[in-house]
Amino acid sequence: MDFKSLLKNPYIISLPTLIVPGLSHFLLGKKVRAVIFFVVVLTTFLLGIFLNGGIFFLKESNWLYSLASFGEMGMGLTYLICLLSGLNRTSPEIISSLMFGYGTTFLISAGLMNMLLMMDAFDIAIGRKVYE
């Protein structure tokens, strides 16, 4: 099985977005959209980091934090890198930051937008959504 035949599978073509936002659209030939999606999701993520948004782990003590971690997991590789490096990991200093709520909202939004991009790439791949 070669690379091109793998890209024809709609389930496989939606996964590269977990590595780089917009990568699935780029592989589908929607290059301008891919760049726009990459910039929007990355900007949202970086705003969240700079505003001291918290990176949540799935086994947090608060159920709301666990729910937030599901939203942030949508960032894929970026979430994993932040989690492993400890960047903005929830701590008393981060949580007591004045901008914690805003930053966290940006991080969750970036993850959810990335999940929507995966679904959009899937729809394009199966022919449900056609762009001219």
C-alpha atoms as a PDB file:
ATOM      1  CA  MET A   1       0.000   0.000   0.000  1.00  0.00           C
ATOM      2  CA  ASP A   2       1.528   3.296  -1.071  1.00  0.00           C
ATOM      3  CA  PHE A   3       1.198   6.805   0.345  1.00  0.00           C
ATOM      4  CA  LYS A   4      -1.255   8.060  -2.288  1.00  0.00           C
ATOM      5  CA  SER A   5      -3.718   5.251  -1.647  1.00  0.00           C
ATOM      6  CA  LEU A   6      -3.589   6.013   2.076  1.00  0.00           C
ATOM      7  CA  LEU A   7      -4.541   9.622   1.363  1.00  0.00           C
ATOM      8  CA  LYS A   8      -7.714   8.448  -0.352  1.00  0.00           C
ATOM      9  CA  ASN A   9      -9.003   6.994   2.904  1.00  0.00           C
ATOM     10  CA  PRO A  10     -11.116   9.762   4.543  1.00  0.00           C
ATOM     11  CA  TYR A  11     -10.328   8.491   8.030  1.00  0.00           C
ATOM     12  CA  ILE A  12      -6.575   8.657   7.393  1.00  0.00           C
ATOM     13  CA  ILE A  13      -6.646  12.025   5.612  1.00  0.00           C
ATOM     14  CA  SER A  14      -8.234  13.749   8.600  1.00  0.00           C
ATOM     15  CA  LEU A  15      -5.451  12.694  11.009  1.00  0.00           C
ATOM     16  CA  PRO A  16      -2.553  14.904   9.807  1.00  0.00           C
ATOM     17  CA  THR A  17      -4.382  17.890  11.263  1.00  0.00           C
ATOM     18  CA  LEU A  18      -3.492  16.519  14.686  1.00  0.00           C
ATOM     19  CA  ILE A  19       0.169  17.022  13.818  1.00  0.00           C
ATOM     20  CA  VAL A  20      -0.092  20.435  12.141  1.00  0.00           C
ATOM     21  CA  PRO A  21      -3.373  22.386  11.974  1.00  0.00           C
ATOM     22  CA  GLY A  22      -4.535  22.577   8.361  1.00  0.00           C
ATOM     23  CA  LEU A  23      -2.198  19.838   7.097  1.00  0.00           C
ATOM     24  CA  SER A  24      -5.100  17.654   5.971  1.00  0.00           C
ATOM     25  CA  HIS A  25      -6.492  20.486   3.878  1.00  0.00           C
ATOM     26  CA  PHE A  26      -3.047  21.033   2.380  1.00  0.00           C
ATOM     27  CA  LEU A  27      -2.845  17.350   1.401  1.00  0.00           C
ATOM     28  CA  LEU A  28      -6.325  17.610  -0.126  1.00  0.00           C
ATOM     29  CA  GLY A  29      -5.104  20.461  -2.332  1.00  0.00           C
ATOM     30  CA  LYS A  30      -6.802  23.284  -0.423  1.00  0.00           C
ATOM     31  CA  LYS A  31      -3.543  25.154   0.160  1.00  0.00           C
ATOM     32  CA  VAL A  32      -4.879  28.665   0.817  1.00  0.00           C
ATOM     33  CA  ARG A  33      -7.434  27.350   3.290  1.00  0.00           C
ATOM     34  CA  ALA A  34      -4.723  25.255   4.946  1.00  0.00           C
ATOM     35  CA  VAL A  35      -2.524  28.305   5.528  1.00  0.00           C
ATOM     36  CA  ILE A  36      -5.440  30.345   6.870  1.00  0.00           C
ATOM     37  CA  PHE A  37      -6.499  27.530   9.207  1.00  0.00           C
ATOM     38  CA  PHE A  38      -2.916  27.066  10.398  1.00  0.00           C
ATOM     39  CA  VAL A  39      -2.523  30.762  11.205  1.00  0.00           C
ATOM     40  CA  VAL A  40      -5.889  31.041  12.974  1.00  0.00           C
ATOM     41  CA  VAL A  41      -5.468  27.947  15.154  1.00  0.00           C
ATOM     42  CA  LEU A  42      -1.820  28.647  15.960  1.00  0.00           C
ATOM     43  CA  THR A  43      -2.554  32.283  16.838  1.00  0.00           C
ATOM     44  CA  THR A  44      -5.394  31.212  19.125  1.00  0.00           C
ATOM     45  CA  PHE A  45      -3.135  28.658  20.797  1.00  0.00           C
ATOM     46  CA  LEU A  46      -0.261  31.127  21.274  1.00  0.00           C
ATOM     47  CA  LEU A  47      -2.610  33.753  22.711  1.00  0.00           C
ATOM     48  CA  GLY A  48      -3.776  31.156  25.204  1.00  0.00           C
ATOM     49  CA  ILE A  49      -0.208  30.340  26.212  1.00  0.00           C
ATOM     50  CA  PHE A  50       0.817  33.999  26.560  1.00  0.00           C
ATOM     51  CA  LEU A  51      -2.309  34.779  28.609  1.00  0.00           C
ATOM     52  CA  ASN A  52      -1.330  32.058  31.126  1.00  0.00           C
ATOM     53  CA  GLY A  53      -3.997  29.612  30.067  1.00  0.00           C
ATOM     54  CA  GLY A  54      -3.720  26.260  31.798  1.00  0.00           C
ATOM     55  CA  ILE A  55      -2.798  22.991  30.112  1.00  0.00           C
ATOM     56  CA  PHE A  56      -4.932  20.357  31.796  1.00  0.00           C
ATOM     57  CA  PHE A  57      -4.246  16.683  32.278  1.00  0.00           C
ATOM     58  CA  LEU A  58      -7.098  14.208  31.934  1.00  0.00           C
ATOM     59  CA  LYS A  59      -6.858  13.021  35.539  1.00  0.00           C
ATOM     60  CA  GLU A  60      -7.446  16.379  37.194  1.00  0.00           C
ATOM     61  CA  SER A  61      -9.353  16.414  40.480  1.00  0.00           C
ATOM     62  CA  ASN A  62     -12.039  18.738  39.167  1.00  0.00           C
ATOM     63  CA  TRP A  63     -14.443  17.294  36.572  1.00  0.00           C
ATOM     64  CA  LEU A  64     -14.570  20.641  34.776  1.00  0.00           C
ATOM     65  CA  TYR A  65     -10.789  20.567  34.332  1.00  0.00           C
ATOM     66  CA  SER A  66     -11.073  17.042  32.919  1.00  0.00           C
ATOM     67  CA  LEU A  67     -13.637  18.320  30.438  1.00  0.00           C
ATOM     68  CA  ALA A  68     -11.296  21.181  29.505  1.00  0.00           C
ATOM     69  CA  SER A  69      -8.527  18.667  28.848  1.00  0.00           C
ATOM     70  CA  PHE A  70     -10.713  16.954  26.227  1.00  0.00           C
ATOM     71  CA  GLY A  71     -11.055  20.268  24.402  1.00  0.00           C
ATOM     72  CA  GLU A  72      -7.335  20.952  24.594  1.00  0.00           C
ATOM     73  CA  MET A  73      -6.487  17.440  23.365  1.00  0.00           C
ATOM     74  CA  GLY A  74      -7.840  18.514  19.989  1.00  0.00           C
ATOM     75  CA  MET A  75      -4.561  20.351  19.414  1.00  0.00           C
ATOM     76  CA  GLY A  76      -2.893  16.965  19.074  1.00  0.00           C
ATOM     77  CA  LEU A  77       0.903  17.160  18.932  1.00  0.00           C
ATOM     78  CA  THR A  78       1.004  20.686  20.346  1.00  0.00           C
ATOM     79  CA  TYR A  79      -0.998  19.592  23.394  1.00  0.00           C
ATOM     80  CA  LEU A  80       1.282  16.610  23.885  1.00  0.00           C
ATOM     81  CA  ILE A  81       4.409  18.771  23.698  1.00  0.00           C
ATOM     82  CA  CYS A  82       2.994  21.227  26.248  1.00  0.00           C
ATOM     83  CA  LEU A  83       1.928  18.405  28.533  1.00  0.00           C
ATOM     84  CA  LEU A  84       5.301  16.652  28.420  1.00  0.00           C
ATOM     85  CA  SER A  85       7.336  19.840  28.777  1.00  0.00           C
ATOM     86  CA  GLY A  86       5.192  21.167  31.608  1.00  0.00           C
ATOM     87  CA  LEU A  87       4.462  24.422  29.774  1.00  0.00           C
ATOM     88  CA  ASN A  88       1.579  26.241  31.502  1.00  0.00           C
ATOM     89  CA  ARG A  89       0.745  23.111  33.472  1.00  0.00           C
ATOM     90  CA  THR A  90      -1.973  23.910  35.988  1.00  0.00           C
ATOM     91  CA  SER A  91      -0.371  25.033  39.212  1.00  0.00           C
ATOM     92  CA  PRO A  92      -1.394  27.505  41.930  1.00  0.00           C
ATOM     93  CA  GLU A  93       0.676  30.233  40.236  1.00  0.00           C
ATOM     94  CA  ILE A  94      -0.984  29.696  36.845  1.00  0.00           C
ATOM     95  CA  ILE A  95      -4.502  29.345  38.255  1.00  0.00           C
ATOM     96  CA  SER A  96      -4.174  32.498  40.356  1.00  0.00           C
ATOM     97  CA  SER A  97      -3.045  34.495  37.313  1.00  0.00           C
ATOM     98  CA  LEU A  98      -5.377  37.331  36.385  1.00  0.00           C
ATOM     99  CA  MET A  99      -5.670  36.145  32.760  1.00  0.00           C
ATOM    100  CA  PHE A 100      -5.976  32.394  33.502  1.00  0.00           C
ATOM    101  CA  GLY A 101      -9.633  32.179  32.473  1.00  0.00           C
ATOM    102  CA  TYR A 102      -9.133  34.032  29.198  1.00  0.00           C
ATOM    103  CA  GLY A 103      -5.998  32.114  28.283  1.00  0.00           C
ATOM    104  CA  THR A 104      -7.619  28.776  29.053  1.00  0.00           C
ATOM    105  CA  THR A 105     -10.599  29.713  26.894  1.00  0.00           C
ATOM    106  CA  PHE A 106      -8.238  30.436  23.995  1.00  0.00           C
ATOM    107  CA  LEU A 107      -6.477  27.078  24.458  1.00  0.00           C
ATOM    108  CA  ILE A 108      -9.722  25.108  24.570  1.00  0.00           C
ATOM    109  CA  SER A 109     -11.015  27.030  21.542  1.00  0.00           C
ATOM    110  CA  ALA A 110      -7.870  26.201  19.582  1.00  0.00           C
ATOM    111  CA  GLY A 111      -8.326  22.505  20.337  1.00  0.00           C
ATOM    112  CA  LEU A 112     -11.995  22.534  19.387  1.00  0.00           C
ATOM    113  CA  MET A 113     -11.272  24.448  16.158  1.00  0.00           C
ATOM    114  CA  ASN A 114      -8.680  21.838  15.254  1.00  0.00           C
ATOM    115  CA  MET A 115     -11.242  19.076  15.814  1.00  0.00           C
ATOM    116  CA  LEU A 116     -13.618  20.906  13.486  1.00  0.00           C
ATOM    117  CA  LEU A 117     -10.856  21.081  10.878  1.00  0.00           C
ATOM    118  CA  MET A 118     -10.483  17.304  11.106  1.00  0.00           C
ATOM    119  CA  MET A 119     -14.213  16.867  10.483  1.00  0.00           C
ATOM    120  CA  ASP A 120     -14.091  19.355   7.616  1.00  0.00           C
ATOM    121  CA  ALA A 121     -11.226  17.452   5.979  1.00  0.00           C
ATOM    122  CA  PHE A 122     -13.210  14.227   6.356  1.00  0.00           C
ATOM    123  CA  ASP A 123     -16.239  15.837   4.681  1.00  0.00           C
ATOM    124  CA  ILE A 124     -14.094  17.061   1.788  1.00  0.00           C
ATOM    125  CA  ALA A 125     -12.499  13.636   1.384  1.00  0.00           C
ATOM    126  CA  ILE A 126     -15.836  11.807   1.127  1.00  0.00           C
ATOM    127  CA  GLY A 127     -17.244  14.425  -1.258  1.00  0.00           C
ATOM    128  CA  ARG A 128     -19.867  15.806   1.092  1.00  0.00           C
ATOM    129  CA  LYS A 129     -18.323  19.270   0.868  1.00  0.00           C
ATOM    130  CA  VAL A 130     -17.139  20.638  -2.450  1.00  0.00           C
ATOM    131  CA  TYR A 131     -15.133  23.849  -2.846  1.00  0.00           C
ATOM    132  CA  GLU A 132     -14.731  25.498  -6.192  1.00  0.00           C
END
